[in-house]
């Protein structure tokens, strides 16, 4: 399982072992820079539509641009923008590349993609396993019949 706080080894289907570095501040900063580059200037879109769409639409677009700006200012790995780009093949490959480069400075993009696919496969396994492991009573309350109590709408009665 992927543990970002620790250095770890991932073995790709071709049998190669790759060392992923632990998540460090320099990696978070580089990831933020990548995401910011993908997003661009969030207000540029709003400016393009001034005078072309209703003001009510501009207000919505402006609020969205402000939300993006705020996420970039207070960036974290868990923020919506980060998660959005981690959810793409290119984004995940870039992020995995950041984790690989310390131990493998000459890693190719194709090798990085192979490692990203393996990391993604491992994450999917963990999520599937987690989805199958429900905590006690997660399926809902136990029926009275199942726990030994008689139902008030049926079953045996002592009153004849």
N, C-alpha and C. Protein backbone atom coordinates (compact mmCIF):
# COMPACT_ATOMS: atom_id res chain seq x y z
N UNK A 1 0.84 -1.18 0.00
CA UNK A 1 0.00 0.00 0.00
C UNK A 1 0.89 1.24 0.00
N UNK A 2 0.47 2.26 -0.71
CA UNK A 2 1.22 3.51 -0.82
C UNK A 2 1.16 4.27 0.49
N UNK A 3 2.34 4.60 1.02
CA UNK A 3 2.45 5.37 2.25
C UNK A 3 3.34 6.56 1.95
N UNK A 4 2.74 7.73 1.76
CA UNK A 4 3.49 8.90 1.31
C UNK A 4 4.49 9.41 2.33
N UNK A 5 4.33 9.05 3.59
CA UNK A 5 5.26 9.51 4.61
C UNK A 5 6.54 8.70 4.70
N UNK A 6 6.63 7.65 3.89
CA UNK A 6 7.78 6.76 3.96
C UNK A 6 8.35 6.51 2.57
N UNK A 7 9.65 6.25 2.52
CA UNK A 7 10.25 5.78 1.27
C UNK A 7 9.80 4.34 1.08
N UNK A 8 9.49 3.96 -0.14
CA UNK A 8 9.03 2.60 -0.38
C UNK A 8 9.38 2.13 -1.78
N UNK A 9 9.28 0.86 -1.99
CA UNK A 9 9.61 0.27 -3.29
C UNK A 9 8.34 -0.23 -3.95
N UNK A 10 8.22 0.06 -5.24
CA UNK A 10 7.12 -0.43 -6.05
C UNK A 10 7.73 -1.29 -7.15
N UNK A 11 7.16 -2.47 -7.35
CA UNK A 11 7.63 -3.35 -8.40
C UNK A 11 6.59 -3.34 -9.52
N UNK A 12 7.04 -2.98 -10.71
CA UNK A 12 6.14 -2.93 -11.86
C UNK A 12 5.99 -4.33 -12.44
N UNK A 13 4.95 -4.55 -13.26
CA UNK A 13 4.73 -5.89 -13.83
C UNK A 13 5.92 -6.47 -14.59
N UNK A 14 6.81 -5.62 -15.10
CA UNK A 14 7.99 -6.14 -15.80
C UNK A 14 9.11 -6.57 -14.84
N UNK A 15 8.84 -6.50 -13.52
CA UNK A 15 9.79 -6.97 -12.52
C UNK A 15 10.78 -5.93 -12.04
N UNK A 16 10.73 -4.72 -12.57
CA UNK A 16 11.65 -3.67 -12.12
C UNK A 16 11.19 -3.10 -10.79
N UNK A 17 12.14 -2.86 -9.92
CA UNK A 17 11.85 -2.26 -8.62
C UNK A 17 12.18 -0.77 -8.68
N UNK A 18 11.26 0.04 -8.20
CA UNK A 18 11.41 1.49 -8.21
C UNK A 18 11.22 2.02 -6.80
N UNK A 19 12.10 2.93 -6.40
CA UNK A 19 12.01 3.52 -5.08
C UNK A 19 11.29 4.85 -5.15
N UNK A 20 10.16 4.91 -4.46
CA UNK A 20 9.42 6.17 -4.33
C UNK A 20 9.91 6.87 -3.08
N UNK A 21 10.30 8.11 -3.20
CA UNK A 21 10.72 8.87 -2.03
C UNK A 21 9.53 9.22 -1.18
N UNK A 22 9.79 9.62 0.03
CA UNK A 22 8.69 10.06 0.90
C UNK A 22 8.23 11.44 0.48
N UNK A 23 7.01 11.76 0.82
CA UNK A 23 6.44 13.06 0.48
C UNK A 23 7.15 14.13 1.31
N UNK A 24 7.82 15.03 0.63
CA UNK A 24 8.55 16.11 1.27
C UNK A 24 7.96 17.43 0.81
N UNK A 25 8.27 18.49 1.53
CA UNK A 25 7.74 19.81 1.20
C UNK A 25 8.13 20.23 -0.22
N UNK A 26 9.33 19.89 -0.66
CA UNK A 26 9.75 20.25 -2.02
C UNK A 26 8.85 19.59 -3.06
N UNK A 27 8.37 18.39 -2.77
CA UNK A 27 7.48 17.68 -3.70
C UNK A 27 6.11 18.34 -3.70
N UNK A 28 5.62 18.70 -2.53
CA UNK A 28 4.32 19.40 -2.46
C UNK A 28 4.40 20.71 -3.23
N UNK A 29 5.50 21.44 -3.06
CA UNK A 29 5.67 22.71 -3.78
C UNK A 29 5.74 22.50 -5.29
N UNK A 30 6.47 21.47 -5.73
CA UNK A 30 6.57 21.18 -7.16
C UNK A 30 5.22 20.74 -7.71
N UNK A 31 4.46 19.98 -6.94
CA UNK A 31 3.12 19.55 -7.36
C UNK A 31 2.19 20.76 -7.47
N UNK A 32 2.28 21.66 -6.50
CA UNK A 32 1.47 22.88 -6.56
C UNK A 32 1.80 23.68 -7.82
N UNK A 33 3.07 23.78 -8.13
CA UNK A 33 3.50 24.51 -9.33
C UNK A 33 2.93 23.85 -10.59
N UNK A 34 2.95 22.52 -10.63
CA UNK A 34 2.38 21.80 -11.77
C UNK A 34 0.88 22.09 -11.89
N UNK A 35 0.17 21.98 -10.78
CA UNK A 35 -1.28 22.21 -10.79
C UNK A 35 -1.58 23.65 -11.20
N UNK A 36 -0.83 24.60 -10.66
CA UNK A 36 -1.04 26.01 -11.02
C UNK A 36 -0.81 26.22 -12.51
N UNK A 37 0.17 25.54 -13.07
CA UNK A 37 0.43 25.64 -14.51
C UNK A 37 -0.70 25.06 -15.33
N UNK A 38 -1.32 24.01 -14.84
CA UNK A 38 -2.45 23.41 -15.55
C UNK A 38 -3.68 24.31 -15.48
N UNK A 39 -3.88 24.95 -14.34
CA UNK A 39 -5.04 25.81 -14.13
C UNK A 39 -4.89 27.13 -14.88
N UNK A 40 -3.68 27.69 -14.85
CA UNK A 40 -3.48 29.01 -15.45
C UNK A 40 -4.10 30.09 -14.58
N UNK A 41 -4.34 31.24 -15.17
CA UNK A 41 -4.95 32.35 -14.44
C UNK A 41 -6.45 32.13 -14.39
N UNK A 42 -7.00 31.85 -13.21
CA UNK A 42 -8.43 31.56 -13.13
C UNK A 42 -9.31 32.75 -13.51
N UNK A 43 -8.77 33.95 -13.45
CA UNK A 43 -9.57 35.13 -13.78
C UNK A 43 -9.55 35.45 -15.27
N UNK A 44 -8.65 34.85 -16.01
CA UNK A 44 -8.56 35.08 -17.44
C UNK A 44 -9.85 34.68 -18.16
N UNK A 45 -10.43 33.59 -17.75
CA UNK A 45 -11.69 33.13 -18.36
C UNK A 45 -12.79 34.16 -18.12
N UNK A 46 -12.85 34.67 -16.91
CA UNK A 46 -13.87 35.67 -16.57
C UNK A 46 -13.69 36.90 -17.46
N UNK A 47 -12.46 37.35 -17.59
CA UNK A 47 -12.19 38.54 -18.40
C UNK A 47 -12.60 38.36 -19.85
N UNK A 48 -12.42 37.15 -20.38
CA UNK A 48 -12.79 36.88 -21.77
C UNK A 48 -14.28 37.01 -22.02
N UNK A 49 -15.09 36.80 -20.98
CA UNK A 49 -16.54 36.80 -21.16
C UNK A 49 -17.22 38.10 -20.72
N UNK A 50 -16.44 39.06 -20.21
CA UNK A 50 -17.03 40.34 -19.82
C UNK A 50 -17.65 40.98 -21.05
N UNK A 51 -18.92 41.36 -20.92
CA UNK A 51 -19.65 41.98 -22.01
C UNK A 51 -20.24 41.00 -23.01
N UNK A 52 -19.95 39.70 -22.82
CA UNK A 52 -20.45 38.69 -23.76
C UNK A 52 -21.52 37.80 -23.14
N UNK A 53 -21.56 37.74 -21.82
CA UNK A 53 -22.58 36.94 -21.13
C UNK A 53 -23.23 37.81 -20.05
N UNK A 54 -24.35 37.33 -19.57
CA UNK A 54 -25.09 38.07 -18.54
C UNK A 54 -24.24 38.22 -17.28
N UNK A 55 -24.47 39.32 -16.59
CA UNK A 55 -23.73 39.58 -15.36
C UNK A 55 -23.92 38.46 -14.34
N UNK A 56 -25.11 37.85 -14.32
CA UNK A 56 -25.35 36.77 -13.36
C UNK A 56 -24.40 35.59 -13.62
N UNK A 57 -24.09 35.33 -14.89
CA UNK A 57 -23.14 34.28 -15.22
C UNK A 57 -21.72 34.69 -14.83
N UNK A 58 -21.41 35.96 -15.02
CA UNK A 58 -20.07 36.45 -14.65
C UNK A 58 -19.84 36.33 -13.15
N UNK A 59 -20.89 36.58 -12.36
CA UNK A 59 -20.77 36.47 -10.91
C UNK A 59 -20.41 35.04 -10.52
N UNK A 60 -21.08 34.07 -11.14
CA UNK A 60 -20.79 32.66 -10.86
C UNK A 60 -19.35 32.33 -11.27
N UNK A 61 -18.96 32.78 -12.45
CA UNK A 61 -17.60 32.51 -12.94
C UNK A 61 -16.56 33.16 -12.03
N UNK A 62 -16.86 34.35 -11.55
CA UNK A 62 -15.94 35.06 -10.66
C UNK A 62 -15.78 34.30 -9.34
N UNK A 63 -16.90 33.79 -8.80
CA UNK A 63 -16.82 33.02 -7.56
C UNK A 63 -15.99 31.76 -7.75
N UNK A 64 -16.15 31.10 -8.91
CA UNK A 64 -15.35 29.91 -9.19
C UNK A 64 -13.86 30.27 -9.30
N UNK A 65 -13.57 31.38 -9.95
CA UNK A 65 -12.18 31.82 -10.08
C UNK A 65 -11.58 32.14 -8.72
N UNK A 66 -12.36 32.77 -7.86
CA UNK A 66 -11.89 33.07 -6.51
C UNK A 66 -11.63 31.80 -5.72
N UNK A 67 -12.48 30.79 -5.88
CA UNK A 67 -12.30 29.52 -5.18
C UNK A 67 -11.01 28.84 -5.64
N UNK A 68 -10.73 28.89 -6.94
CA UNK A 68 -9.50 28.30 -7.47
C UNK A 68 -8.29 29.07 -6.92
N UNK A 69 -8.37 30.38 -6.95
CA UNK A 69 -7.27 31.20 -6.42
C UNK A 69 -7.02 30.86 -4.95
N UNK A 70 -8.10 30.73 -4.18
CA UNK A 70 -7.95 30.43 -2.76
C UNK A 70 -7.33 29.05 -2.54
N UNK A 71 -7.69 28.08 -3.38
CA UNK A 71 -7.09 26.75 -3.24
C UNK A 71 -5.60 26.79 -3.57
N UNK A 72 -5.23 27.60 -4.54
CA UNK A 72 -3.80 27.72 -4.87
C UNK A 72 -3.04 28.44 -3.76
N UNK A 73 -3.68 29.41 -3.12
CA UNK A 73 -3.03 30.13 -2.02
C UNK A 73 -2.85 29.23 -0.80
N UNK A 74 -3.84 28.41 -0.51
CA UNK A 74 -3.81 27.52 0.66
C UNK A 74 -3.70 26.08 0.21
N UNK A 75 -2.78 25.83 -0.68
CA UNK A 75 -2.67 24.53 -1.33
C UNK A 75 -2.30 23.42 -0.36
N UNK A 76 -2.95 22.28 -0.54
CA UNK A 76 -2.58 21.07 0.19
C UNK A 76 -2.82 19.89 -0.73
N UNK A 77 -2.25 18.76 -0.40
CA UNK A 77 -2.42 17.56 -1.21
C UNK A 77 -3.87 17.12 -1.23
N UNK A 78 -4.62 17.47 -0.21
CA UNK A 78 -6.01 17.04 -0.13
C UNK A 78 -7.01 18.01 -0.74
N UNK A 79 -6.54 19.16 -1.21
CA UNK A 79 -7.49 20.13 -1.75
C UNK A 79 -8.09 19.62 -3.07
N UNK A 80 -9.23 20.18 -3.43
CA UNK A 80 -9.96 19.72 -4.60
C UNK A 80 -9.13 19.79 -5.88
N UNK A 81 -8.38 20.87 -6.06
CA UNK A 81 -7.56 21.00 -7.26
C UNK A 81 -6.50 19.91 -7.33
N UNK A 82 -5.84 19.66 -6.21
CA UNK A 82 -4.82 18.61 -6.18
C UNK A 82 -5.44 17.27 -6.53
N UNK A 83 -6.56 16.95 -5.92
CA UNK A 83 -7.23 15.68 -6.16
C UNK A 83 -7.71 15.56 -7.60
N UNK A 84 -8.16 16.67 -8.15
CA UNK A 84 -8.63 16.67 -9.55
C UNK A 84 -7.51 16.24 -10.49
N UNK A 85 -6.33 16.80 -10.33
CA UNK A 85 -5.22 16.48 -11.22
C UNK A 85 -4.55 15.15 -10.89
N UNK A 86 -4.60 14.72 -9.62
CA UNK A 86 -4.11 13.39 -9.28
C UNK A 86 -5.01 12.31 -9.90
N UNK A 87 -6.23 12.68 -10.21
CA UNK A 87 -7.18 11.75 -10.81
C UNK A 87 -7.02 11.56 -12.31
N UNK A 88 -6.04 12.23 -12.90
CA UNK A 88 -5.79 12.06 -14.33
C UNK A 88 -4.51 11.26 -14.51
N UNK A 89 -4.41 10.56 -15.64
CA UNK A 89 -3.20 9.77 -15.90
C UNK A 89 -1.97 10.66 -15.95
N UNK A 90 -2.09 11.78 -16.65
CA UNK A 90 -0.94 12.68 -16.78
C UNK A 90 -0.55 13.27 -15.43
N UNK A 91 -1.54 13.67 -14.65
CA UNK A 91 -1.25 14.25 -13.35
C UNK A 91 -0.63 13.25 -12.39
N UNK A 92 -1.20 12.04 -12.34
CA UNK A 92 -0.65 11.01 -11.46
C UNK A 92 0.78 10.66 -11.89
N UNK A 93 1.00 10.58 -13.20
CA UNK A 93 2.35 10.28 -13.69
C UNK A 93 3.33 11.37 -13.28
N UNK A 94 2.91 12.63 -13.38
CA UNK A 94 3.79 13.72 -12.98
C UNK A 94 4.11 13.62 -11.48
N UNK A 95 3.09 13.38 -10.67
CA UNK A 95 3.29 13.30 -9.22
C UNK A 95 4.21 12.12 -8.87
N UNK A 96 3.97 10.97 -9.47
CA UNK A 96 4.83 9.81 -9.21
C UNK A 96 6.26 10.11 -9.65
N UNK A 97 6.40 10.85 -10.75
CA UNK A 97 7.73 11.25 -11.20
C UNK A 97 8.45 12.09 -10.16
N UNK A 98 7.72 12.97 -9.49
CA UNK A 98 8.32 13.78 -8.42
C UNK A 98 8.82 12.88 -7.29
N UNK A 99 8.05 11.83 -6.98
CA UNK A 99 8.45 10.91 -5.91
C UNK A 99 9.63 10.02 -6.34
N UNK A 100 9.74 9.74 -7.64
CA UNK A 100 10.80 8.86 -8.13
C UNK A 100 12.14 9.55 -8.32
N UNK A 101 12.14 10.82 -8.65
CA UNK A 101 13.36 11.48 -9.13
C UNK A 101 14.51 11.52 -8.14
N UNK A 102 14.23 11.49 -6.86
CA UNK A 102 15.33 11.52 -5.90
C UNK A 102 16.19 10.26 -6.02
N UNK A 103 15.54 9.11 -6.12
CA UNK A 103 16.27 7.84 -6.22
C UNK A 103 16.61 7.47 -7.66
N UNK A 104 15.86 8.00 -8.61
CA UNK A 104 16.04 7.66 -10.03
C UNK A 104 16.04 8.96 -10.85
N UNK A 105 17.12 9.74 -10.80
CA UNK A 105 17.14 11.04 -11.46
C UNK A 105 16.96 10.99 -12.98
N UNK A 106 17.27 9.86 -13.59
CA UNK A 106 17.16 9.75 -15.05
C UNK A 106 15.97 8.91 -15.49
N UNK A 107 14.96 8.79 -14.63
CA UNK A 107 13.78 7.99 -14.95
C UNK A 107 13.07 8.58 -16.18
N UNK A 108 12.64 7.70 -17.08
CA UNK A 108 11.95 8.17 -18.28
C UNK A 108 10.47 8.37 -17.98
N UNK A 109 9.82 9.10 -18.87
CA UNK A 109 8.39 9.33 -18.73
C UNK A 109 7.61 8.01 -18.83
N UNK A 110 8.03 7.11 -19.72
CA UNK A 110 7.34 5.82 -19.88
C UNK A 110 7.51 4.95 -18.63
N UNK A 111 8.71 4.94 -18.04
CA UNK A 111 8.90 4.19 -16.80
C UNK A 111 8.07 4.79 -15.68
N UNK A 112 8.03 6.12 -15.63
CA UNK A 112 7.22 6.81 -14.62
C UNK A 112 5.76 6.43 -14.78
N UNK A 113 5.29 6.40 -16.01
CA UNK A 113 3.89 6.03 -16.28
C UNK A 113 3.63 4.59 -15.83
N UNK A 114 4.57 3.69 -16.07
CA UNK A 114 4.43 2.30 -15.65
C UNK A 114 4.32 2.21 -14.13
N UNK A 115 5.14 2.96 -13.43
CA UNK A 115 5.08 2.98 -11.96
C UNK A 115 3.75 3.59 -11.51
N UNK A 116 3.32 4.66 -12.18
CA UNK A 116 2.05 5.30 -11.83
C UNK A 116 0.88 4.33 -11.99
N UNK A 117 0.91 3.54 -13.05
CA UNK A 117 -0.15 2.55 -13.26
C UNK A 117 -0.15 1.51 -12.13
N UNK A 118 1.04 1.09 -11.70
CA UNK A 118 1.13 0.12 -10.62
C UNK A 118 0.65 0.73 -9.30
N UNK A 119 1.03 1.97 -9.04
CA UNK A 119 0.56 2.67 -7.84
C UNK A 119 -0.96 2.77 -7.87
N UNK A 120 -1.50 3.15 -9.02
CA UNK A 120 -2.95 3.27 -9.17
C UNK A 120 -3.63 1.91 -8.94
N UNK A 121 -3.05 0.84 -9.46
CA UNK A 121 -3.61 -0.50 -9.26
C UNK A 121 -3.64 -0.85 -7.78
N UNK A 122 -2.55 -0.54 -7.08
CA UNK A 122 -2.48 -0.83 -5.65
C UNK A 122 -3.52 -0.01 -4.88
N UNK A 123 -3.68 1.24 -5.26
CA UNK A 123 -4.69 2.08 -4.59
C UNK A 123 -6.09 1.54 -4.83
N UNK A 124 -6.37 1.11 -6.05
CA UNK A 124 -7.68 0.53 -6.35
C UNK A 124 -7.95 -0.71 -5.51
N UNK A 125 -6.93 -1.55 -5.33
CA UNK A 125 -7.08 -2.75 -4.49
C UNK A 125 -7.42 -2.36 -3.06
N UNK A 126 -6.72 -1.36 -2.54
CA UNK A 126 -6.97 -0.91 -1.17
C UNK A 126 -8.39 -0.38 -1.05
N UNK A 127 -8.82 0.42 -2.03
CA UNK A 127 -10.17 0.98 -1.98
C UNK A 127 -11.24 -0.10 -2.09
N UNK A 128 -11.02 -1.09 -2.95
CA UNK A 128 -11.98 -2.19 -3.08
C UNK A 128 -12.06 -2.97 -1.79
N UNK A 129 -10.90 -3.23 -1.20
CA UNK A 129 -10.87 -3.97 0.07
C UNK A 129 -11.58 -3.17 1.16
N UNK A 130 -11.32 -1.88 1.20
CA UNK A 130 -11.94 -1.03 2.21
C UNK A 130 -13.46 -0.98 2.02
N UNK A 131 -13.90 -0.96 0.77
CA UNK A 131 -15.34 -0.93 0.50
C UNK A 131 -16.01 -2.23 0.93
N UNK A 132 -15.28 -3.33 0.92
CA UNK A 132 -15.83 -4.62 1.31
C UNK A 132 -15.79 -4.89 2.79
N UNK A 133 -15.06 -4.10 3.53
CA UNK A 133 -14.92 -4.28 4.97
C UNK A 133 -15.79 -3.27 5.70
N UNK A 134 -17.03 -3.65 5.96
CA UNK A 134 -17.95 -2.75 6.64
C UNK A 134 -17.79 -2.88 8.15
N UNK A 135 -17.87 -1.77 8.84
CA UNK A 135 -17.80 -1.84 10.31
C UNK A 135 -19.06 -2.52 10.85
N UNK A 136 -19.04 -2.96 12.11
CA UNK A 136 -20.23 -3.59 12.70
C UNK A 136 -21.45 -2.68 12.56
N UNK A 137 -22.59 -3.27 12.24
CA UNK A 137 -23.87 -2.58 12.08
C UNK A 137 -23.89 -1.60 10.91
N UNK A 138 -22.92 -1.66 10.02
CA UNK A 138 -22.91 -0.76 8.87
C UNK A 138 -24.01 -1.12 7.88
N UNK A 139 -24.46 -2.36 7.91
CA UNK A 139 -25.52 -2.79 7.00
C UNK A 139 -26.88 -2.35 7.50
N UNK A 140 -26.95 -1.74 8.64
CA UNK A 140 -28.22 -1.28 9.21
C UNK A 140 -28.51 -2.02 10.50
N UNK A 141 -29.59 -1.67 11.13
CA UNK A 141 -29.93 -2.31 12.40
C UNK A 141 -30.30 -3.78 12.20
N UNK A 142 -30.06 -4.55 13.22
CA UNK A 142 -30.41 -5.96 13.19
C UNK A 142 -31.91 -6.08 13.40
N UNK A 143 -32.55 -6.95 12.61
CA UNK A 143 -34.00 -7.11 12.76
C UNK A 143 -34.30 -7.76 14.11
N UNK A 144 -35.48 -7.49 14.67
CA UNK A 144 -35.83 -8.10 15.96
C UNK A 144 -35.80 -9.62 15.89
N UNK A 145 -36.21 -10.20 14.75
CA UNK A 145 -36.18 -11.65 14.62
C UNK A 145 -34.75 -12.19 14.69
N UNK A 146 -33.84 -11.46 14.12
CA UNK A 146 -32.46 -11.93 14.07
C UNK A 146 -31.79 -11.87 15.44
N UNK A 147 -32.24 -10.95 16.29
CA UNK A 147 -31.59 -10.89 17.60
C UNK A 147 -32.43 -11.56 18.69
N UNK A 148 -33.46 -12.32 18.29
CA UNK A 148 -34.19 -13.13 19.27
C UNK A 148 -35.45 -12.51 19.80
N UNK A 149 -35.76 -11.27 19.47
CA UNK A 149 -37.00 -10.64 19.94
C UNK A 149 -38.11 -10.91 18.94
N UNK A 150 -39.32 -11.07 19.41
CA UNK A 150 -40.46 -11.30 18.54
C UNK A 150 -40.93 -9.98 17.95
N UNK A 151 -41.44 -10.03 16.76
CA UNK A 151 -41.97 -8.85 16.09
C UNK A 151 -43.35 -8.53 16.63
N UNK A 152 -43.71 -7.26 16.69
CA UNK A 152 -45.03 -6.86 17.16
C UNK A 152 -46.11 -7.07 16.11
N UNK A 153 -45.70 -7.32 14.87
CA UNK A 153 -46.67 -7.50 13.79
C UNK A 153 -46.86 -8.95 13.42
N UNK A 154 -46.21 -9.81 14.07
CA UNK A 154 -46.37 -11.23 13.70
C UNK A 154 -45.63 -12.07 14.68
N UNK A 155 -45.46 -13.34 14.34
CA UNK A 155 -44.74 -14.26 15.21
C UNK A 155 -45.64 -14.87 16.24
N UNK A 156 -45.06 -15.54 17.20
CA UNK A 156 -45.83 -16.22 18.23
C UNK A 156 -46.30 -15.24 19.28
N UNK A 157 -47.55 -15.44 19.73
CA UNK A 157 -48.03 -14.61 20.81
C UNK A 157 -48.46 -15.53 21.94
N UNK A 158 -48.42 -15.02 23.13
CA UNK A 158 -48.79 -15.84 24.28
C UNK A 158 -50.24 -15.65 24.65
N UNK A 159 -50.93 -14.73 23.96
CA UNK A 159 -52.31 -14.41 24.34
C UNK A 159 -53.35 -15.18 23.58
N UNK A 160 -53.08 -16.17 22.78
CA UNK A 160 -54.02 -17.06 22.20
C UNK A 160 -54.69 -16.67 21.01
